[in-house]
Amino acid sequence: MKKLAQFLLFLSCTSYALDQSMATKAAVNKELITRCGTNNCRGPRGHKGNRGPRGQRGDRGPRGRRPRSGLNELFLNANMMTGINTEGGLLEPTLFFPYGPDFATASVNGWELQPDIFEGVRYTVGANFDVPIDLDVTQPVTVVLHFLVPQAESSGNQAKIQLQADYKNSNQELGILPPATGFADTQVSPDFTIIQPVTPPNLEQISVSIPLDTSKITGDWAIFQIKRIDPAVNEYSSAIYLSTISVQYSRL
């Protein structure tokens, strides 16, 4: 009997403890539901684990090519030049009307360049302009002269051009008397062939290229002086007419 009583007492205590545990758990659940809703409250975040090793870097795509600066051009037409057109010294270019009557069509014009005719006096054409700010002096610079040739009585068929250039910055003196030093660069063209148009009043257009010495381009203001000089043989005896000047260069 004594053992039975002890066993019953043990069961009673165990039941009571179980009831108390379940009651405590229910109370905790009720509190969680009250504070967090039907989802349990999230506990504090644990420590971040060690970072894994970095994966290999993917292949680098092709690098885009830097665009080239490319070529550029400064051009001067006959109206932007100066020179002597006739024996009377008229400072204007000669007008031609190859597309029809002079009262009905636009003219094209050019400055007269004669061969050596008056005991060494030559017709000379000039042009002054600003040196382009994007001109790259480490690359070639070429002057292309465009000439107009009318039909004319003449002998010979060869011509040659001399181009002189000077470049100045602010507060620098220009001219031929000291302290000025004259032209900085003198270049000549190859001998070239003059071809006349078949039918007047048509004109023949001839282009002549002359490279410049870029080491001489040291200023932001420039002047060109252009004239005919003697070719090796068979000089063309009539005038040719300078219509435009193209300065072709690479951009910075």
C-alpha atoms as a PDB file:
ATOM      1  CA  MET A   1       0.000   0.000   0.000  1.00  0.00           C
ATOM      2  CA  LYS A   2       2.789   2.317   0.833  1.00  0.00           C
ATOM      3  CA  LYS A   3       4.402   1.833  -2.572  1.00  0.00           C
ATOM      4  CA  LEU A   4       1.102   2.332  -4.321  1.00  0.00           C
ATOM      5  CA  ALA A   5       0.588   5.594  -2.446  1.00  0.00           C
ATOM      6  CA  GLN A   6       4.065   6.761  -3.433  1.00  0.00           C
ATOM      7  CA  PHE A   7       3.428   5.873  -7.105  1.00  0.00           C
ATOM      8  CA  LEU A   8       0.147   7.759  -7.135  1.00  0.00           C
ATOM      9  CA  LEU A   9       1.861  10.762  -5.560  1.00  0.00           C
ATOM     10  CA  PHE A  10       4.551  10.634  -8.280  1.00  0.00           C
ATOM     11  CA  LEU A  11       1.908  10.536 -11.017  1.00  0.00           C
ATOM     12  CA  SER A  12       0.093  13.460  -9.406  1.00  0.00           C
ATOM     13  CA  CYS A  13       3.267  15.575  -9.274  1.00  0.00           C
ATOM     14  CA  THR A  14       4.219  14.662 -12.814  1.00  0.00           C
ATOM     15  CA  SER A  15       0.751  15.552 -14.098  1.00  0.00           C
ATOM     16  CA  TYR A  16       0.862  18.838 -12.243  1.00  0.00           C
ATOM     17  CA  ALA A  17       4.287  19.701 -13.696  1.00  0.00           C
ATOM     18  CA  LEU A  18       3.096  18.744 -17.184  1.00  0.00           C
ATOM     19  CA  ASP A  19       0.003  20.894 -16.778  1.00  0.00           C
ATOM     20  CA  GLN A  20       2.145  23.776 -15.593  1.00  0.00           C
ATOM     21  CA  SER A  21       4.530  23.363 -18.570  1.00  0.00           C
ATOM     22  CA  MET A  22       1.670  23.290 -21.063  1.00  0.00           C
ATOM     23  CA  ALA A  23       0.069  26.285 -19.398  1.00  0.00           C
ATOM     24  CA  THR A  24       3.351  28.189 -19.557  1.00  0.00           C
ATOM     25  CA  LYS A  25       3.804  27.291 -23.217  1.00  0.00           C
ATOM     26  CA  ALA A  26       0.254  28.349 -24.024  1.00  0.00           C
ATOM     27  CA  ALA A  27       0.803  31.656 -22.264  1.00  0.00           C
ATOM     28  CA  VAL A  28       3.991  32.249 -24.213  1.00  0.00           C
ATOM     29  CA  ASN A  29       2.239  31.404 -27.493  1.00  0.00           C
ATOM     30  CA  LYS A  30      -0.605  33.726 -26.575  1.00  0.00           C
ATOM     31  CA  GLU A  31       1.860  36.527 -25.871  1.00  0.00           C
ATOM     32  CA  LEU A  32       3.642  35.902 -29.188  1.00  0.00           C
ATOM     33  CA  ILE A  33       0.378  35.938 -31.081  1.00  0.00           C
ATOM     34  CA  THR A  34      -0.580  39.163 -29.323  1.00  0.00           C
ATOM     35  CA  ARG A  35       2.737  40.853 -30.146  1.00  0.00           C
ATOM     36  CA  CYS A  36       3.604  39.319 -33.524  1.00  0.00           C
ATOM     37  CA  GLY A  37       0.370  38.017 -34.986  1.00  0.00           C
ATOM     38  CA  THR A  38       0.107  34.446 -36.185  1.00  0.00           C
ATOM     39  CA  ASN A  39       3.831  34.443 -37.188  1.00  0.00           C
ATOM     40  CA  ASN A  40       6.418  34.041 -34.533  1.00  0.00           C
ATOM     41  CA  CYS A  41       8.610  37.048 -33.747  1.00  0.00           C
ATOM     42  CA  ARG A  42      11.954  36.925 -35.483  1.00  0.00           C
ATOM     43  CA  GLY A  43      14.834  36.418 -33.147  1.00  0.00           C
ATOM     44  CA  PRO A  44      18.089  38.396 -33.247  1.00  0.00           C
ATOM     45  CA  ARG A  45      20.186  37.873 -36.388  1.00  0.00           C
ATOM     46  CA  GLY A  46      23.093  35.566 -35.892  1.00  0.00           C
ATOM     47  CA  HIS A  47      26.686  36.429 -36.739  1.00  0.00           C
ATOM     48  CA  LYS A  48      27.461  36.608 -40.492  1.00  0.00           C
ATOM     49  CA  GLY A  49      29.402  33.641 -41.681  1.00  0.00           C
ATOM     50  CA  ASN A  50      32.792  33.919 -43.314  1.00  0.00           C
ATOM     51  CA  ARG A  51      32.718  35.203 -46.910  1.00  0.00           C
ATOM     52  CA  GLY A  52      33.494  32.568 -49.472  1.00  0.00           C
ATOM     53  CA  PRO A  53      36.363  32.944 -51.959  1.00  0.00           C
ATOM     54  CA  ARG A  54      35.799  35.425 -54.812  1.00  0.00           C
ATOM     55  CA  GLY A  55      34.928  33.828 -58.105  1.00  0.00           C
ATOM     56  CA  GLN A  56      37.050  34.221 -61.206  1.00  0.00           C
ATOM     57  CA  ARG A  57      36.679  37.485 -63.134  1.00  0.00           C
ATOM     58  CA  GLY A  58      34.836  37.120 -66.396  1.00  0.00           C
ATOM     59  CA  ASP A  59      36.444  37.878 -69.737  1.00  0.00           C
ATOM     60  CA  ARG A  60      36.682  41.578 -70.512  1.00  0.00           C
ATOM     61  CA  GLY A  61      34.719  42.631 -73.548  1.00  0.00           C
ATOM     62  CA  PRO A  62      36.419  44.291 -76.498  1.00  0.00           C
ATOM     63  CA  ARG A  63      37.557  47.824 -75.811  1.00  0.00           C
ATOM     64  CA  GLY A  64      35.876  50.469 -77.900  1.00  0.00           C
ATOM     65  CA  ARG A  65      38.145  52.245 -80.369  1.00  0.00           C
ATOM     66  CA  ARG A  66      38.817  55.886 -79.792  1.00  0.00           C
ATOM     67  CA  PRO A  67      37.524  57.761 -82.812  1.00  0.00           C
ATOM     68  CA  ARG A  68      40.186  59.276 -84.986  1.00  0.00           C
ATOM     69  CA  SER A  69      40.370  62.995 -85.106  1.00  0.00           C
ATOM     70  CA  GLY A  70      40.223  62.856 -88.903  1.00  0.00           C
ATOM     71  CA  LEU A  71      40.890  65.491 -91.525  1.00  0.00           C
ATOM     72  CA  ASN A  72      39.649  69.029 -91.723  1.00  0.00           C
ATOM     73  CA  GLU A  73      39.842  71.869 -94.237  1.00  0.00           C
ATOM     74  CA  LEU A  74      40.077  75.633 -94.216  1.00  0.00           C
ATOM     75  CA  PHE A  75      39.278  77.184 -97.580  1.00  0.00           C
ATOM     76  CA  LEU A  76      39.544  80.668 -99.023  1.00  0.00           C
ATOM     77  CA  ASN A  77      37.694  81.777-102.137  1.00  0.00           C
ATOM     78  CA  ALA A  78      38.786  84.507-104.530  1.00  0.00           C
ATOM     79  CA  ASN A  79      36.782  87.143-102.677  1.00  0.00           C
ATOM     80  CA  MET A  80      38.921  86.481 -99.581  1.00  0.00           C
ATOM     81  CA  MET A  81      42.220  87.089-101.411  1.00  0.00           C
ATOM     82  CA  THR A  82      44.092  90.167-102.562  1.00  0.00           C
ATOM     83  CA  GLY A  83      46.275  90.766-105.611  1.00  0.00           C
ATOM     84  CA  ILE A  84      46.902  92.740-108.777  1.00  0.00           C
ATOM     85  CA  ASN A  85      44.603  91.839-111.630  1.00  0.00           C
ATOM     86  CA  THR A  86      45.572  94.169-114.494  1.00  0.00           C
ATOM     87  CA  GLU A  87      48.306  96.538-115.542  1.00  0.00           C
ATOM     88  CA  GLY A  88      46.174  99.318-114.100  1.00  0.00           C
ATOM     89  CA  GLY A  89      46.409  97.746-110.670  1.00  0.00           C
ATOM     90  CA  LEU A  90      42.717  97.016-110.125  1.00  0.00           C
ATOM     91  CA  LEU A  91      42.366  95.093-106.869  1.00  0.00           C
ATOM     92  CA  GLU A  92      39.644  92.687-107.882  1.00  0.00           C
ATOM     93  CA  PRO A  93      39.486  89.169-109.348  1.00  0.00           C
ATOM     94  CA  THR A  94      38.539  88.427-112.946  1.00  0.00           C
ATOM     95  CA  LEU A  95      34.958  87.278-113.549  1.00  0.00           C
ATOM     96  CA  PHE A  96      34.082  84.414-115.912  1.00  0.00           C
ATOM     97  CA  PHE A  97      30.663  83.259-117.093  1.00  0.00           C
ATOM     98  CA  PRO A  98      31.054  79.640-118.244  1.00  0.00           C
ATOM     99  CA  TYR A  99      27.380  78.766-117.650  1.00  0.00           C
ATOM    100  CA  GLY A 100      25.785  81.326-119.925  1.00  0.00           C
ATOM    101  CA  PRO A 101      25.433  85.064-120.623  1.00  0.00           C
ATOM    102  CA  ASP A 102      26.824  87.408-117.974  1.00  0.00           C
ATOM    103  CA  PHE A 103      23.409  89.001-117.480  1.00  0.00           C
ATOM    104  CA  ALA A 104      21.673  85.680-116.814  1.00  0.00           C
ATOM    105  CA  THR A 105      24.084  83.387-114.902  1.00  0.00           C
ATOM    106  CA  ALA A 106      26.365  83.482-111.895  1.00  0.00           C
ATOM    107  CA  SER A 107      30.043  84.196-112.360  1.00  0.00           C
ATOM    108  CA  VAL A 108      33.084  82.277-111.165  1.00  0.00           C
ATOM    109  CA  ASN A 109      36.149  84.317-110.366  1.00  0.00           C
ATOM    110  CA  GLY A 110      39.879  84.015-109.905  1.00  0.00           C
ATOM    111  CA  TRP A 111      43.018  86.097-109.444  1.00  0.00           C
ATOM    112  CA  GLU A 112      45.223  86.452-112.499  1.00  0.00           C
ATOM    113  CA  LEU A 113      48.668  84.868-112.316  1.00  0.00           C
ATOM    114  CA  GLN A 114      50.842  85.716-115.307  1.00  0.00           C
ATOM    115  CA  PRO A 115      54.270  84.335-116.143  1.00  0.00           C
ATOM    116  CA  ASP A 116      57.324  86.584-115.917  1.00  0.00           C
ATOM    117  CA  ILE A 117      56.369  89.380-118.321  1.00  0.00           C
ATOM    118  CA  PHE A 118      57.542  92.810-117.119  1.00  0.00           C
ATOM    119  CA  GLU A 119      61.275  92.304-116.564  1.00  0.00           C
ATOM    120  CA  GLY A 120      60.922  90.111-113.517  1.00  0.00           C
ATOM    121  CA  VAL A 121      57.704  91.637-112.115  1.00  0.00           C
ATOM    122  CA  ARG A 122      55.199  88.883-111.406  1.00  0.00           C
ATOM    123  CA  TYR A 123      51.537  88.975-110.576  1.00  0.00           C
ATOM    124  CA  THR A 124      51.170  87.962-106.922  1.00  0.00           C
ATOM    125  CA  VAL A 125      48.125  86.875-104.919  1.00  0.00           C
ATOM    126  CA  GLY A 126      47.855  87.045-101.135  1.00  0.00           C
ATOM    127  CA  ALA A 127      45.512  85.776 -98.441  1.00  0.00           C
ATOM    128  CA  ASN A 128      45.606  86.261 -94.672  1.00  0.00           C
ATOM    129  CA  PHE A 129      43.583  84.158 -92.244  1.00  0.00           C
ATOM    130  CA  ASP A 130      43.458  82.648 -88.762  1.00  0.00           C
ATOM    131  CA  VAL A 131      45.304  79.376 -88.196  1.00  0.00           C
ATOM    132  CA  PRO A 132      42.643  76.795 -87.164  1.00  0.00           C
ATOM    133  CA  ILE A 133      42.737  76.106 -83.421  1.00  0.00           C
ATOM    134  CA  ASP A 134      42.361  72.353 -84.048  1.00  0.00           C
ATOM    135  CA  LEU A 135      45.290  72.094 -86.486  1.00  0.00           C
ATOM    136  CA  ASP A 136      47.711  69.309 -85.517  1.00  0.00           C
ATOM    137  CA  VAL A 137      51.242  70.465 -86.425  1.00  0.00           C
ATOM    138  CA  THR A 138      52.601  66.937 -85.844  1.00  0.00           C
ATOM    139  CA  GLN A 139      50.753  65.768 -88.969  1.00  0.00           C
ATOM    140  CA  PRO A 140      51.161  66.856 -92.617  1.00  0.00           C
ATOM    141  CA  VAL A 141      49.476  70.055 -93.774  1.00  0.00           C
ATOM    142  CA  THR A 142      48.832  70.460 -97.503  1.00  0.00           C
ATOM    143  CA  VAL A 143      47.718  73.515 -99.452  1.00  0.00           C
ATOM    144  CA  VAL A 144      45.642  72.723-102.545  1.00  0.00           C
ATOM    145  CA  LEU A 145      45.376  75.554-105.071  1.00  0.00           C
ATOM    146  CA  HIS A 146      42.513  75.488-107.576  1.00  0.00           C
ATOM    147  CA  PHE A 147      43.153  77.310-110.851  1.00  0.00           C
ATOM    148  CA  LEU A 148      40.800  78.287-113.664  1.00  0.00           C
ATOM    149  CA  VAL A 149      42.142  78.240-117.235  1.00  0.00           C
ATOM    150  CA  PRO A 150      40.231  79.922-120.099  1.00  0.00           C
ATOM    151  CA  GLN A 151      40.929  79.274-123.740  1.00  0.00           C
ATOM    152  CA  ALA A 152      43.659  81.653-124.919  1.00  0.00           C
ATOM    153  CA  GLU A 153      46.338  82.037-127.560  1.00  0.00           C
ATOM    154  CA  SER A 154      49.500  80.797-125.920  1.00  0.00           C
ATOM    155  CA  SER A 155      52.720  78.900-126.253  1.00  0.00           C
ATOM    156  CA  GLY A 156      54.110  76.255-123.911  1.00  0.00           C
ATOM    157  CA  ASN A 157      52.110  74.177-121.459  1.00  0.00           C
ATOM    158  CA  GLN A 158      54.085  74.036-118.186  1.00  0.00           C
ATOM    159  CA  ALA A 159      53.680  76.110-115.003  1.00  0.00           C
ATOM    160  CA  LYS A 160      55.072  76.168-111.475  1.00  0.00           C
ATOM    161  CA  ILE A 161      53.936  77.908-108.277  1.00  0.00           C
ATOM    162  CA  GLN A 162      55.816  79.401-105.343  1.00  0.00           C
ATOM    163  CA  LEU A 163      53.970  79.680-102.025  1.00  0.00           C
ATOM    164  CA  GLN A 164      55.391  81.764 -99.170  1.00  0.00           C
ATOM    165  CA  ALA A 165      53.867  81.722 -95.700  1.00  0.00           C
ATOM    166  CA  ASP A 166      54.310  83.638 -92.474  1.00  0.00           C
ATOM    167  CA  TYR A 167      52.768  83.035 -89.037  1.00  0.00           C
ATOM    168  CA  LYS A 168      52.523  85.492 -86.150  1.00  0.00           C
ATOM    169  CA  ASN A 169      51.267  85.651 -82.581  1.00  0.00           C
ATOM    170  CA  SER A 170      50.037  88.726 -80.762  1.00  0.00           C
ATOM    171  CA  ASN A 171      52.674  91.485 -80.386  1.00  0.00           C
ATOM    172  CA  GLN A 172      54.928  90.056 -83.109  1.00  0.00           C
ATOM    173  CA  GLU A 173      56.037  92.247 -85.990  1.00  0.00           C
ATOM    174  CA  LEU A 174      55.575  91.195 -89.612  1.00  0.00           C
ATOM    175  CA  GLY A 175      57.251  92.460 -92.755  1.00  0.00           C
ATOM    176  CA  ILE A 176      60.680  92.402 -94.406  1.00  0.00           C
ATOM    177  CA  LEU A 177      62.455  95.157 -92.429  1.00  0.00           C
ATOM    178  CA  PRO A 178      64.095  94.446 -89.038  1.00  0.00           C
ATOM    179  CA  PRO A 179      63.037  93.438 -86.503  1.00  0.00           C
ATOM    180  CA  ALA A 180      60.650  91.532 -88.816  1.00  0.00           C
ATOM    181  CA  THR A 181      62.210  88.578 -90.628  1.00  0.00           C
ATOM    182  CA  GLY A 182      60.062  88.173 -93.753  1.00  0.00           C
ATOM    183  CA  PHE A 183      58.300  84.964 -94.690  1.00  0.00           C
ATOM    184  CA  ALA A 184      58.834  81.967 -92.428  1.00  0.00           C
ATOM    185  CA  ASP A 185      58.314  79.279 -95.072  1.00  0.00           C
ATOM    186  CA  THR A 186      58.792  79.049 -98.839  1.00  0.00           C
ATOM    187  CA  GLN A 187      57.553  76.031-100.809  1.00  0.00           C
ATOM    188  CA  VAL A 188      57.238  75.311-104.522  1.00  0.00           C
ATOM    189  CA  SER A 189      54.987  73.017-106.508  1.00  0.00           C
ATOM    190  CA  PRO A 190      56.181  70.466-109.041  1.00  0.00           C
ATOM    191  CA  ASP A 191      55.955  71.570-112.671  1.00  0.00           C
ATOM    192  CA  PHE A 192      52.409  70.900-113.855  1.00  0.00           C
ATOM    193  CA  THR A 193      50.707  70.819-117.251  1.00  0.00           C
ATOM    194  CA  ILE A 194      48.220  73.468-118.327  1.00  0.00           C
ATOM    195  CA  ILE A 195      45.263  72.159-120.335  1.00  0.00           C
ATOM    196  CA  GLN A 196      42.901  74.595-122.019  1.00  0.00           C
ATOM    197  CA  PRO A 197      39.156  73.994-122.382  1.00  0.00           C
ATOM    198  CA  VAL A 198      38.010  72.691-125.762  1.00  0.00           C
ATOM    199  CA  THR A 199      35.183  75.209-126.181  1.00  0.00           C
ATOM    200  CA  PRO A 200      34.972  78.794-124.878  1.00  0.00           C
ATOM    201  CA  PRO A 201      33.610  80.218-122.636  1.00  0.00           C
ATOM    202  CA  ASN A 202      34.189  76.943-120.772  1.00  0.00           C
ATOM    203  CA  LEU A 203      37.002  76.827-118.212  1.00  0.00           C
ATOM    204  CA  GLU A 204      39.464  74.107-117.264  1.00  0.00           C
ATOM    205  CA  GLN A 205      39.887  73.544-113.500  1.00  0.00           C
ATOM    206  CA  ILE A 206      43.378  72.442-112.370  1.00  0.00           C
ATOM    207  CA  SER A 207      44.342  71.522-108.788  1.00  0.00           C
ATOM    208  CA  VAL A 208      47.919  71.812-107.499  1.00  0.00           C
ATOM    209  CA  SER A 209      49.080  70.498-104.092  1.00  0.00           C
ATOM    210  CA  ILE A 210      51.916  72.037-102.056  1.00  0.00           C
ATOM    211  CA  PRO A 211      52.948  70.689 -98.615  1.00  0.00           C
ATOM    212  CA  LEU A 212      53.835  73.144 -95.828  1.00  0.00           C
ATOM    213  CA  ASP A 213      56.644  72.936 -93.284  1.00  0.00           C
ATOM    214  CA  THR A 214      54.585  72.435 -90.121  1.00  0.00           C
ATOM    215  CA  SER A 215      57.549  73.306 -87.870  1.00  0.00           C
ATOM    216  CA  LYS A 216      57.132  76.900 -89.087  1.00  0.00           C
ATOM    217  CA  ILE A 217      53.469  77.131 -88.024  1.00  0.00           C
ATOM    218  CA  THR A 218      54.087  78.822 -84.682  1.00  0.00           C
ATOM    219  CA  GLY A 219      51.451  81.564 -84.643  1.00  0.00           C
ATOM    220  CA  ASP A 220      47.682  81.928 -84.731  1.00  0.00           C
ATOM    221  CA  TRP A 221      47.656  84.426 -87.635  1.00  0.00           C
ATOM    222  CA  ALA A 222      48.891  83.528 -91.130  1.00  0.00           C
ATOM    223  CA  ILE A 223      49.493  85.023 -94.567  1.00  0.00           C
ATOM    224  CA  PHE A 224      50.105  83.272 -97.891  1.00  0.00           C
ATOM    225  CA  GLN A 225      51.764  84.864-100.911  1.00  0.00           C
ATOM    226  CA  ILE A 226      51.388  82.942-104.182  1.00  0.00           C
ATOM    227  CA  LYS A 227      52.988  83.557-107.565  1.00  0.00           C
ATOM    228  CA  ARG A 228      54.199  81.753-110.664  1.00  0.00           C
ATOM    229  CA  ILE A 229      57.860  80.944-111.103  1.00  0.00           C
ATOM    230  CA  ASP A 230      59.723  79.461-114.052  1.00  0.00           C
ATOM    231  CA  PRO A 231      59.190  75.762-114.704  1.00  0.00           C
ATOM    232  CA  ALA A 232      62.076  73.684-115.994  1.00  0.00           C
ATOM    233  CA  VAL A 233      61.003  74.018-119.634  1.00  0.00           C
ATOM    234  CA  ASN A 234      58.178  75.110-121.926  1.00  0.00           C
ATOM    235  CA  GLU A 235      56.483  77.737-119.730  1.00  0.00           C
ATOM    236  CA  TYR A 236      52.805  78.437-120.427  1.00  0.00           C
ATOM    237  CA  SER A 237      52.705  81.990-121.774  1.00  0.00           C
ATOM    238  CA  SER A 238      49.145  83.019-120.817  1.00  0.00           C
ATOM    239  CA  ALA A 239      47.490  83.728-117.478  1.00  0.00           C
ATOM    240  CA  ILE A 240      45.974  81.186-115.136  1.00  0.00           C
ATOM    241  CA  TYR A 241      43.518  82.278-112.433  1.00  0.00           C
ATOM    242  CA  LEU A 242      43.643  81.310-108.747  1.00  0.00           C
ATOM    243  CA  SER A 243      40.063  80.608-107.655  1.00  0.00           C
ATOM    244  CA  THR A 244      40.291  78.954-104.215  1.00  0.00           C
ATOM    245  CA  ILE A 245      42.861  77.888-101.624  1.00  0.00           C
ATOM    246  CA  SER A 246      42.265  74.781 -99.511  1.00  0.00           C
ATOM    247  CA  VAL A 247      44.367  74.172 -96.374  1.00  0.00           C
ATOM    248  CA  GLN A 248      43.963  70.472 -95.528  1.00  0.00           C
ATOM    249  CA  TYR A 249      45.130  69.218 -92.121  1.00  0.00           C
ATOM    250  CA  SER A 250      44.582  66.689 -89.343  1.00  0.00           C
ATOM    251  CA  ARG A 251      42.518  67.718 -86.327  1.00  0.00           C
ATOM    252  CA  LEU A 252      43.820  67.539 -82.793  1.00  0.00           C
END
